[in-house]
């Protein structure tokens, strides 16, 4: 039987710390650090300095309470008034096929032309007044119009400043008005002072493209050799035709030509 040889100081240290050492059949060699700690009498203090780590405290479970709103507080269902299909709205909107003649703002226009004009008025956002008309359709009284107003779809618009009728609008404002008319389906141009003969006043001249009641002269202003669709201003000789100063026509998918 083997005899365990144990250092006397280790046995003394074990008795002091109340540490029970099990005797085994093989010699036990204490770690040098343990021996040194026993010699210095610091094993107990080292153990006492070891902090105890408490188990983590679980975070409380959050509870979300959502109050139920009474049904009376819910917003009411929105109601919309649909726009009649006969009223064109927006860029290149299709005009109605209605040629009823109407006295409109002091002139005669058909319903189709009025719908297109009011759409242009919505598209335009400027200081002019697209509804300030100086001549309508179905009119042979103005010789300087060259017969273009004798049928449907034709109109003239003032370019005077609505805030001061003694003044005319600046060129960029007039161009914006012409552009809005084109976006609504008109062949439209600005006629400068004297461009139709001595004493003719500045104004915007417009022809509703596709109007089946256009006069022959108005139709030439749209799709004739010197007309809107060919990039000209529609003026007859010897006054024109001249190159379209705004760069050419705006074509909409509803426009059909013979």
C-alpha atoms as a PDB file:
ATOM      1  CA  UNK A   1       0.000   0.000   0.000  1.00  0.00           C
ATOM      2  CA  UNK A   2       1.298   3.451  -1.019  1.00  0.00           C
ATOM      3  CA  UNK A   3       1.683   6.136   1.587  1.00  0.00           C
ATOM      4  CA  UNK A   4       0.540   9.695   0.747  1.00  0.00           C
ATOM      5  CA  UNK A   5       3.117  12.242   1.652  1.00  0.00           C
ATOM      6  CA  UNK A   6       1.494  15.561   2.381  1.00  0.00           C
ATOM      7  CA  UNK A   7       3.222  18.777   3.265  1.00  0.00           C
ATOM      8  CA  UNK A   8       2.494  19.729   6.888  1.00  0.00           C
ATOM      9  CA  UNK A   9       1.617  23.293   5.969  1.00  0.00           C
ATOM     10  CA  UNK A  10      -1.012  22.071   3.475  1.00  0.00           C
ATOM     11  CA  UNK A  11      -2.699  19.978   6.179  1.00  0.00           C
ATOM     12  CA  UNK A  12      -2.658  22.950   8.541  1.00  0.00           C
ATOM     13  CA  UNK A  13      -4.159  25.191   5.902  1.00  0.00           C
ATOM     14  CA  UNK A  14      -6.882  22.666   5.172  1.00  0.00           C
ATOM     15  CA  UNK A  15      -7.826  22.459   8.820  1.00  0.00           C
ATOM     16  CA  UNK A  16      -8.010  26.261   9.049  1.00  0.00           C
ATOM     17  CA  UNK A  17     -10.251  26.548   5.950  1.00  0.00           C
ATOM     18  CA  UNK A  18     -12.399  23.518   6.891  1.00  0.00           C
ATOM     19  CA  UNK A  19     -11.533  22.043   3.506  1.00  0.00           C
ATOM     20  CA  UNK A  20     -11.766  18.254   3.454  1.00  0.00           C
ATOM     21  CA  UNK A  21      -9.101  16.669   1.337  1.00  0.00           C
ATOM     22  CA  UNK A  22      -9.946  13.226   0.108  1.00  0.00           C
ATOM     23  CA  UNK A  23      -7.129  10.797   0.336  1.00  0.00           C
ATOM     24  CA  UNK A  24      -6.320   9.058  -2.870  1.00  0.00           C
ATOM     25  CA  UNK A  25      -4.021   6.233  -3.775  1.00  0.00           C
ATOM     26  CA  UNK A  26      -1.663   8.537  -5.730  1.00  0.00           C
ATOM     27  CA  UNK A  27       0.562  11.305  -4.328  1.00  0.00           C
ATOM     28  CA  UNK A  28      -0.930  14.785  -4.623  1.00  0.00           C
ATOM     29  CA  UNK A  29       1.369  17.635  -5.450  1.00  0.00           C
ATOM     30  CA  UNK A  30      -0.182  21.015  -4.526  1.00  0.00           C
ATOM     31  CA  UNK A  31       0.086  23.828  -7.034  1.00  0.00           C
ATOM     32  CA  UNK A  32       2.912  26.227  -6.110  1.00  0.00           C
ATOM     33  CA  UNK A  33       0.483  29.149  -6.033  1.00  0.00           C
ATOM     34  CA  UNK A  34      -1.660  27.331  -3.481  1.00  0.00           C
ATOM     35  CA  UNK A  35       1.329  26.609  -1.279  1.00  0.00           C
ATOM     36  CA  UNK A  36       2.447  30.225  -1.450  1.00  0.00           C
ATOM     37  CA  UNK A  37      -1.043  31.412  -0.548  1.00  0.00           C
ATOM     38  CA  UNK A  38      -1.154  29.045   2.425  1.00  0.00           C
ATOM     39  CA  UNK A  39       2.251  30.205   3.597  1.00  0.00           C
ATOM     40  CA  UNK A  40       1.109  33.801   3.497  1.00  0.00           C
ATOM     41  CA  UNK A  41      -2.240  32.993   5.140  1.00  0.00           C
ATOM     42  CA  UNK A  42      -4.161  34.646   2.298  1.00  0.00           C
ATOM     43  CA  UNK A  43      -6.308  31.822   0.938  1.00  0.00           C
ATOM     44  CA  UNK A  44      -9.263  32.781   3.105  1.00  0.00           C
ATOM     45  CA  UNK A  45      -9.051  36.452   2.151  1.00  0.00           C
ATOM     46  CA  UNK A  46      -8.805  35.565  -1.553  1.00  0.00           C
ATOM     47  CA  UNK A  47     -11.963  33.514  -1.347  1.00  0.00           C
ATOM     48  CA  UNK A  48     -13.755  36.288   0.512  1.00  0.00           C
ATOM     49  CA  UNK A  49     -12.841  38.817  -2.223  1.00  0.00           C
ATOM     50  CA  UNK A  50     -14.500  36.760  -4.928  1.00  0.00           C
ATOM     51  CA  UNK A  51     -17.810  38.549  -5.620  1.00  0.00           C
ATOM     52  CA  UNK A  52     -20.960  36.560  -5.964  1.00  0.00           C
ATOM     53  CA  UNK A  53     -22.856  37.335  -9.199  1.00  0.00           C
ATOM     54  CA  UNK A  54     -26.622  37.342  -8.669  1.00  0.00           C
ATOM     55  CA  UNK A  55     -28.700  35.718 -11.387  1.00  0.00           C
ATOM     56  CA  UNK A  56     -30.094  38.197 -13.934  1.00  0.00           C
ATOM     57  CA  UNK A  57     -33.500  39.614 -13.160  1.00  0.00           C
ATOM     58  CA  UNK A  58     -35.804  39.057 -16.134  1.00  0.00           C
ATOM     59  CA  UNK A  59     -37.202  42.267 -17.656  1.00  0.00           C
ATOM     60  CA  UNK A  60     -40.890  42.779 -17.024  1.00  0.00           C
ATOM     61  CA  UNK A  61     -43.094  41.904 -19.979  1.00  0.00           C
ATOM     62  CA  UNK A  62     -44.565  45.043 -21.554  1.00  0.00           C
ATOM     63  CA  UNK A  63     -48.299  45.083 -21.944  1.00  0.00           C
ATOM     64  CA  UNK A  64     -49.746  47.294 -24.704  1.00  0.00           C
ATOM     65  CA  UNK A  65     -53.310  48.295 -24.162  1.00  0.00           C
ATOM     66  CA  UNK A  66     -55.069  49.753 -27.233  1.00  0.00           C
ATOM     67  CA  UNK A  67     -58.370  51.381 -26.387  1.00  0.00           C
ATOM     68  CA  UNK A  68     -61.192  50.545 -28.752  1.00  0.00           C
ATOM     69  CA  UNK A  69     -62.718  53.596 -30.393  1.00  0.00           C
ATOM     70  CA  UNK A  70     -66.466  53.697 -30.422  1.00  0.00           C
ATOM     71  CA  UNK A  71     -67.881  53.376 -33.910  1.00  0.00           C
ATOM     72  CA  UNK A  72     -69.319  56.878 -33.708  1.00  0.00           C
ATOM     73  CA  UNK A  73     -65.802  58.377 -33.767  1.00  0.00           C
ATOM     74  CA  UNK A  74     -64.803  56.739 -37.046  1.00  0.00           C
ATOM     75  CA  UNK A  75     -64.531  59.225 -39.946  1.00  0.00           C
ATOM     76  CA  UNK A  76     -67.523  59.125 -42.258  1.00  0.00           C
ATOM     77  CA  UNK A  77     -67.122  57.511 -45.660  1.00  0.00           C
ATOM     78  CA  UNK A  78     -66.090  60.128 -48.223  1.00  0.00           C
ATOM     79  CA  UNK A  79     -68.580  60.873 -50.948  1.00  0.00           C
ATOM     80  CA  UNK A  80     -67.526  62.079 -54.379  1.00  0.00           C
ATOM     81  CA  UNK A  81     -69.506  63.760 -57.097  1.00  0.00           C
ATOM     82  CA  UNK A  82     -68.439  62.125 -60.366  1.00  0.00           C
ATOM     83  CA  UNK A  83     -67.611  64.413 -63.269  1.00  0.00           C
ATOM     84  CA  UNK A  84     -70.047  63.793 -66.142  1.00  0.00           C
ATOM     85  CA  UNK A  85     -68.418  61.874 -68.971  1.00  0.00           C
ATOM     86  CA  UNK A  86     -69.398  64.659 -71.362  1.00  0.00           C
ATOM     87  CA  UNK A  87     -67.143  67.123 -69.521  1.00  0.00           C
ATOM     88  CA  UNK A  88     -63.501  66.808 -70.644  1.00  0.00           C
ATOM     89  CA  UNK A  89     -60.920  67.337 -67.915  1.00  0.00           C
ATOM     90  CA  UNK A  90     -57.153  67.441 -68.275  1.00  0.00           C
ATOM     91  CA  UNK A  91     -54.552  67.378 -71.003  1.00  0.00           C
ATOM     92  CA  UNK A  92     -55.992  66.181 -74.363  1.00  0.00           C
ATOM     93  CA  UNK A  93     -59.306  65.148 -72.769  1.00  0.00           C
ATOM     94  CA  UNK A  94     -61.861  63.921 -75.310  1.00  0.00           C
ATOM     95  CA  UNK A  95     -64.549  66.570 -75.980  1.00  0.00           C
ATOM     96  CA  UNK A  96     -68.258  65.708 -76.062  1.00  0.00           C
ATOM     97  CA  UNK A  97     -70.004  65.094 -79.378  1.00  0.00           C
ATOM     98  CA  UNK A  98     -72.583  67.813 -78.754  1.00  0.00           C
ATOM     99  CA  UNK A  99     -73.167  70.639 -81.244  1.00  0.00           C
ATOM    100  CA  UNK A 100     -76.004  72.408 -79.477  1.00  0.00           C
ATOM    101  CA  UNK A 101     -75.571  76.153 -79.995  1.00  0.00           C
ATOM    102  CA  UNK A 102     -75.397  78.196 -76.807  1.00  0.00           C
ATOM    103  CA  UNK A 103     -75.187  81.917 -76.042  1.00  0.00           C
ATOM    104  CA  UNK A 104     -72.023  81.919 -73.948  1.00  0.00           C
ATOM    105  CA  UNK A 105     -70.404  85.013 -72.445  1.00  0.00           C
ATOM    106  CA  UNK A 106     -71.803  87.292 -75.098  1.00  0.00           C
ATOM    107  CA  UNK A 107     -71.028  85.098 -78.122  1.00  0.00           C
ATOM    108  CA  UNK A 108     -72.456  81.965 -79.775  1.00  0.00           C
ATOM    109  CA  UNK A 109     -70.570  78.663 -79.380  1.00  0.00           C
ATOM    110  CA  UNK A 110     -71.568  75.036 -79.609  1.00  0.00           C
ATOM    111  CA  UNK A 111     -71.458  72.825 -76.514  1.00  0.00           C
ATOM    112  CA  UNK A 112     -68.399  70.921 -77.732  1.00  0.00           C
ATOM    113  CA  UNK A 113     -66.386  74.128 -78.113  1.00  0.00           C
ATOM    114  CA  UNK A 114     -67.512  75.397 -74.684  1.00  0.00           C
ATOM    115  CA  UNK A 115     -66.392  72.147 -73.026  1.00  0.00           C
ATOM    116  CA  UNK A 116     -62.955  72.406 -74.671  1.00  0.00           C
ATOM    117  CA  UNK A 117     -62.612  76.076 -73.736  1.00  0.00           C
ATOM    118  CA  UNK A 118     -63.487  75.446 -70.086  1.00  0.00           C
ATOM    119  CA  UNK A 119     -60.982  72.589 -69.989  1.00  0.00           C
ATOM    120  CA  UNK A 120     -58.308  74.974 -71.307  1.00  0.00           C
ATOM    121  CA  UNK A 121     -59.326  77.429 -68.593  1.00  0.00           C
ATOM    122  CA  UNK A 122     -58.668  74.716 -65.963  1.00  0.00           C
ATOM    123  CA  UNK A 123     -55.308  73.810 -67.514  1.00  0.00           C
ATOM    124  CA  UNK A 124     -54.157  77.438 -67.558  1.00  0.00           C
ATOM    125  CA  UNK A 125     -52.701  78.912 -64.365  1.00  0.00           C
ATOM    126  CA  UNK A 126     -51.830  82.516 -65.090  1.00  0.00           C
ATOM    127  CA  UNK A 127     -52.981  86.102 -64.927  1.00  0.00           C
ATOM    128  CA  UNK A 128     -54.932  86.180 -68.190  1.00  0.00           C
ATOM    129  CA  UNK A 129     -58.593  85.310 -68.776  1.00  0.00           C
ATOM    130  CA  UNK A 130     -59.304  82.586 -71.314  1.00  0.00           C
ATOM    131  CA  UNK A 131     -63.038  83.178 -70.918  1.00  0.00           C
ATOM    132  CA  UNK A 132     -62.884  86.841 -71.986  1.00  0.00           C
ATOM    133  CA  UNK A 133     -64.204  86.307 -75.541  1.00  0.00           C
ATOM    134  CA  UNK A 134     -64.296  88.944 -78.256  1.00  0.00           C
ATOM    135  CA  UNK A 135     -65.778  86.773 -81.058  1.00  0.00           C
ATOM    136  CA  UNK A 136     -67.526  83.413 -81.231  1.00  0.00           C
ATOM    137  CA  UNK A 137     -68.721  81.010 -83.932  1.00  0.00           C
ATOM    138  CA  UNK A 138     -71.441  81.088 -86.597  1.00  0.00           C
ATOM    139  CA  UNK A 139     -70.583  84.701 -87.368  1.00  0.00           C
ATOM    140  CA  UNK A 140     -69.939  86.364 -90.733  1.00  0.00           C
ATOM    141  CA  UNK A 141     -69.877  89.950 -89.444  1.00  0.00           C
ATOM    142  CA  UNK A 142     -66.069  90.336 -89.143  1.00  0.00           C
ATOM    143  CA  UNK A 143     -64.431  90.494 -92.560  1.00  0.00           C
ATOM    144  CA  UNK A 144     -60.914  90.324 -91.106  1.00  0.00           C
ATOM    145  CA  UNK A 145     -61.664  86.777 -89.940  1.00  0.00           C
ATOM    146  CA  UNK A 146     -61.571  85.523 -93.578  1.00  0.00           C
ATOM    147  CA  UNK A 147     -64.631  83.340 -93.065  1.00  0.00           C
ATOM    148  CA  UNK A 148     -63.047  81.260 -90.289  1.00  0.00           C
ATOM    149  CA  UNK A 149     -65.811  82.156 -87.803  1.00  0.00           C
ATOM    150  CA  UNK A 150     -68.756  81.469 -90.111  1.00  0.00           C
ATOM    151  CA  UNK A 151     -69.062  77.867 -88.861  1.00  0.00           C
ATOM    152  CA  UNK A 152     -68.583  76.166 -85.510  1.00  0.00           C
ATOM    153  CA  UNK A 153     -65.482  75.734 -83.346  1.00  0.00           C
ATOM    154  CA  UNK A 154     -63.991  79.224 -83.811  1.00  0.00           C
ATOM    155  CA  UNK A 155     -63.397  81.897 -81.174  1.00  0.00           C
ATOM    156  CA  UNK A 156     -61.222  84.912 -80.356  1.00  0.00           C
ATOM    157  CA  UNK A 157     -59.926  85.735 -76.864  1.00  0.00           C
ATOM    158  CA  UNK A 158     -58.797  89.077 -75.469  1.00  0.00           C
ATOM    159  CA  UNK A 159     -55.206  89.472 -74.284  1.00  0.00           C
ATOM    160  CA  UNK A 160     -55.927  92.498 -72.137  1.00  0.00           C
ATOM    161  CA  UNK A 161     -54.911  92.416 -68.493  1.00  0.00           C
ATOM    162  CA  UNK A 162     -58.011  91.470 -66.440  1.00  0.00           C
ATOM    163  CA  UNK A 163     -56.758  93.713 -63.634  1.00  0.00           C
ATOM    164  CA  UNK A 164     -56.395  96.700 -65.929  1.00  0.00           C
ATOM    165  CA  UNK A 165     -58.190  96.481 -69.281  1.00  0.00           C
ATOM    166  CA  UNK A 166     -56.148  99.407 -70.599  1.00  0.00           C
ATOM    167  CA  UNK A 167     -53.028  97.195 -70.569  1.00  0.00           C
ATOM    168  CA  UNK A 168     -52.123  94.110 -72.596  1.00  0.00           C
ATOM    169  CA  UNK A 169     -50.604  90.979 -71.077  1.00  0.00           C
ATOM    170  CA  UNK A 170     -46.857  90.357 -71.557  1.00  0.00           C
ATOM    171  CA  UNK A 171     -45.781  87.913 -74.314  1.00  0.00           C
ATOM    172  CA  UNK A 172     -44.913  85.032 -71.958  1.00  0.00           C
ATOM    173  CA  UNK A 173     -48.386  85.183 -70.403  1.00  0.00           C
ATOM    174  CA  UNK A 174     -50.011  85.156 -73.829  1.00  0.00           C
ATOM    175  CA  UNK A 175     -47.903  82.149 -74.837  1.00  0.00           C
ATOM    176  CA  UNK A 176     -49.112  80.291 -71.724  1.00  0.00           C
ATOM    177  CA  UNK A 177     -52.718  80.974 -72.710  1.00  0.00           C
ATOM    178  CA  UNK A 178     -52.128  79.683 -76.252  1.00  0.00           C
ATOM    179  CA  UNK A 179     -50.425  76.565 -74.876  1.00  0.00           C
ATOM    180  CA  UNK A 180     -53.376  75.765 -72.600  1.00  0.00           C
ATOM    181  CA  UNK A 181     -55.755  76.053 -75.551  1.00  0.00           C
ATOM    182  CA  UNK A 182     -53.595  73.654 -77.564  1.00  0.00           C
ATOM    183  CA  UNK A 183     -53.494  71.201 -74.672  1.00  0.00           C
ATOM    184  CA  UNK A 184     -57.300  71.212 -74.713  1.00  0.00           C
ATOM    185  CA  UNK A 185     -57.438  70.442 -78.446  1.00  0.00           C
ATOM    186  CA  UNK A 186     -57.506  73.847 -80.161  1.00  0.00           C
ATOM    187  CA  UNK A 187     -55.386  75.084 -83.020  1.00  0.00           C
ATOM    188  CA  UNK A 188     -54.492  78.422 -81.438  1.00  0.00           C
ATOM    189  CA  UNK A 189     -52.215  81.350 -82.187  1.00  0.00           C
ATOM    190  CA  UNK A 190     -51.567  84.891 -80.996  1.00  0.00           C
ATOM    191  CA  UNK A 191     -52.494  87.535 -83.557  1.00  0.00           C
ATOM    192  CA  UNK A 192     -50.391  90.642 -82.986  1.00  0.00           C
ATOM    193  CA  UNK A 193     -51.747  94.157 -83.515  1.00  0.00           C
ATOM    194  CA  UNK A 194     -52.110  94.880 -87.247  1.00  0.00           C
ATOM    195  CA  UNK A 195     -51.380  91.263 -88.284  1.00  0.00           C
ATOM    196  CA  UNK A 196     -54.837  90.977 -89.910  1.00  0.00           C
ATOM    197  CA  UNK A 197     -54.755  94.414 -91.483  1.00  0.00           C
ATOM    198  CA  UNK A 198     -54.495  98.005 -90.392  1.00  0.00           C
ATOM    199  CA  UNK A 199     -56.082  98.623 -87.028  1.00  0.00           C
ATOM    200  CA  UNK A 200     -56.648  94.959 -86.060  1.00  0.00           C
ATOM    201  CA  UNK A 201     -56.370  94.474 -82.316  1.00  0.00           C
ATOM    202  CA  UNK A 202     -54.071  91.916 -80.656  1.00  0.00           C
ATOM    203  CA  UNK A 203     -55.914  88.749 -79.618  1.00  0.00           C
ATOM    204  CA  UNK A 204     -55.762  84.945 -79.535  1.00  0.00           C
ATOM    205  CA  UNK A 205     -57.461  83.096 -82.383  1.00  0.00           C
ATOM    206  CA  UNK A 206     -58.510  79.462 -81.778  1.00  0.00           C
ATOM    207  CA  UNK A 207     -60.173  76.709 -83.844  1.00  0.00           C
ATOM    208  CA  UNK A 208     -61.536  73.567 -82.163  1.00  0.00           C
ATOM    209  CA  UNK A 209     -59.783  70.676 -83.936  1.00  0.00           C
ATOM    210  CA  UNK A 210     -62.194  68.023 -85.202  1.00  0.00           C
ATOM    211  CA  UNK A 211     -65.332  70.162 -85.020  1.00  0.00           C
ATOM    212  CA  UNK A 212     -67.626  68.786 -87.730  1.00  0.00           C
ATOM    213  CA  UNK A 213     -69.212  72.215 -88.262  1.00  0.00           C
ATOM    214  CA  UNK A 214     -66.000  74.090 -89.087  1.00  0.00           C
ATOM    215  CA  UNK A 215     -66.179  76.429 -92.045  1.00  0.00           C
ATOM    216  CA  UNK A 216     -63.995  75.514 -95.027  1.00  0.00           C
ATOM    217  CA  UNK A 217     -61.605  78.364 -94.197  1.00  0.00           C
ATOM    218  CA  UNK A 218     -61.329  77.277 -90.556  1.00  0.00           C
ATOM    219  CA  UNK A 219     -60.605  73.692 -91.622  1.00  0.00           C
ATOM    220  CA  UNK A 220     -57.743  74.956 -93.808  1.00  0.00           C
ATOM    221  CA  UNK A 221     -56.269  76.702 -90.774  1.00  0.00           C
ATOM    222  CA  UNK A 222     -56.144  73.305 -89.059  1.00  0.00           C
ATOM    223  CA  UNK A 223     -54.932  70.866 -91.732  1.00  0.00           C
ATOM    224  CA  UNK A 224     -54.239  72.952 -94.829  1.00  0.00           C
ATOM    225  CA  UNK A 225     -50.758  73.401 -96.279  1.00  0.00           C
ATOM    226  CA  UNK A 226     -50.233  76.520 -94.173  1.00  0.00           C
ATOM    227  CA  UNK A 227     -52.189  75.228 -91.175  1.00  0.00           C
ATOM    228  CA  UNK A 228     -51.617  74.203 -87.609  1.00  0.00           C
ATOM    229  CA  UNK A 229     -50.865  70.527 -88.254  1.00  0.00           C
ATOM    230  CA  UNK A 230     -48.122  71.471 -90.736  1.00  0.00           C
ATOM    231  CA  UNK A 231     -46.362  73.847 -88.350  1.00  0.00           C
ATOM    232  CA  UNK A 232     -47.729  77.198 -89.593  1.00  0.00           C
ATOM    233  CA  UNK A 233     -49.927  79.951 -88.226  1.00  0.00           C
ATOM    234  CA  UNK A 234     -52.888  79.482 -90.593  1.00  0.00           C
ATOM    235  CA  UNK A 235     -52.859  83.021 -91.999  1.00  0.00           C
ATOM    236  CA  UNK A 236     -53.836  83.261 -95.680  1.00  0.00           C
ATOM    237  CA  UNK A 237     -51.746  84.941 -98.335  1.00  0.00           C
ATOM    238  CA  UNK A 238     -50.419  87.612 -98.485  1.00  0.00           C
ATOM    239  CA  UNK A 239     -50.376  87.799 -94.665  1.00  0.00           C
ATOM    240  CA  UNK A 240     -48.952  84.322 -94.270  1.00  0.00           C
ATOM    241  CA  UNK A 241     -48.571  81.532 -93.700  1.00  0.00           C
ATOM    242  CA  UNK A 242     -45.765  81.991 -91.196  1.00  0.00           C
ATOM    243  CA  UNK A 243     -43.834  79.439 -89.162  1.00  0.00           C
ATOM    244  CA  UNK A 244     -45.620  78.604 -85.908  1.00  0.00           C
ATOM    245  CA  UNK A 245     -43.747  80.608 -83.242  1.00  0.00           C
ATOM    246  CA  UNK A 246     -44.563  78.017 -80.553  1.00  0.00           C
ATOM    247  CA  UNK A 247     -42.988  75.125 -82.423  1.00  0.00           C
ATOM    248  CA  UNK A 248     -45.912  73.134 -83.807  1.00  0.00           C
ATOM    249  CA  UNK A 249     -49.084  71.259 -82.993  1.00  0.00           C
ATOM    250  CA  UNK A 250     -50.078  69.184 -79.979  1.00  0.00           C
ATOM    251  CA  UNK A 251     -51.772  66.026 -81.249  1.00  0.00           C
ATOM    252  CA  UNK A 252     -54.347  64.153 -79.139  1.00  0.00           C
ATOM    253  CA  UNK A 253     -55.366  60.536 -79.764  1.00  0.00           C
ATOM    254  CA  UNK A 254     -59.010  61.497 -80.376  1.00  0.00           C
ATOM    255  CA  UNK A 255     -58.115  63.772 -83.275  1.00  0.00           C
ATOM    256  CA  UNK A 256     -59.232  62.226 -86.585  1.00  0.00           C
ATOM    257  CA  UNK A 257     -58.652  63.928 -89.922  1.00  0.00           C
ATOM    258  CA  UNK A 258     -59.935  63.112 -93.418  1.00  0.00           C
END
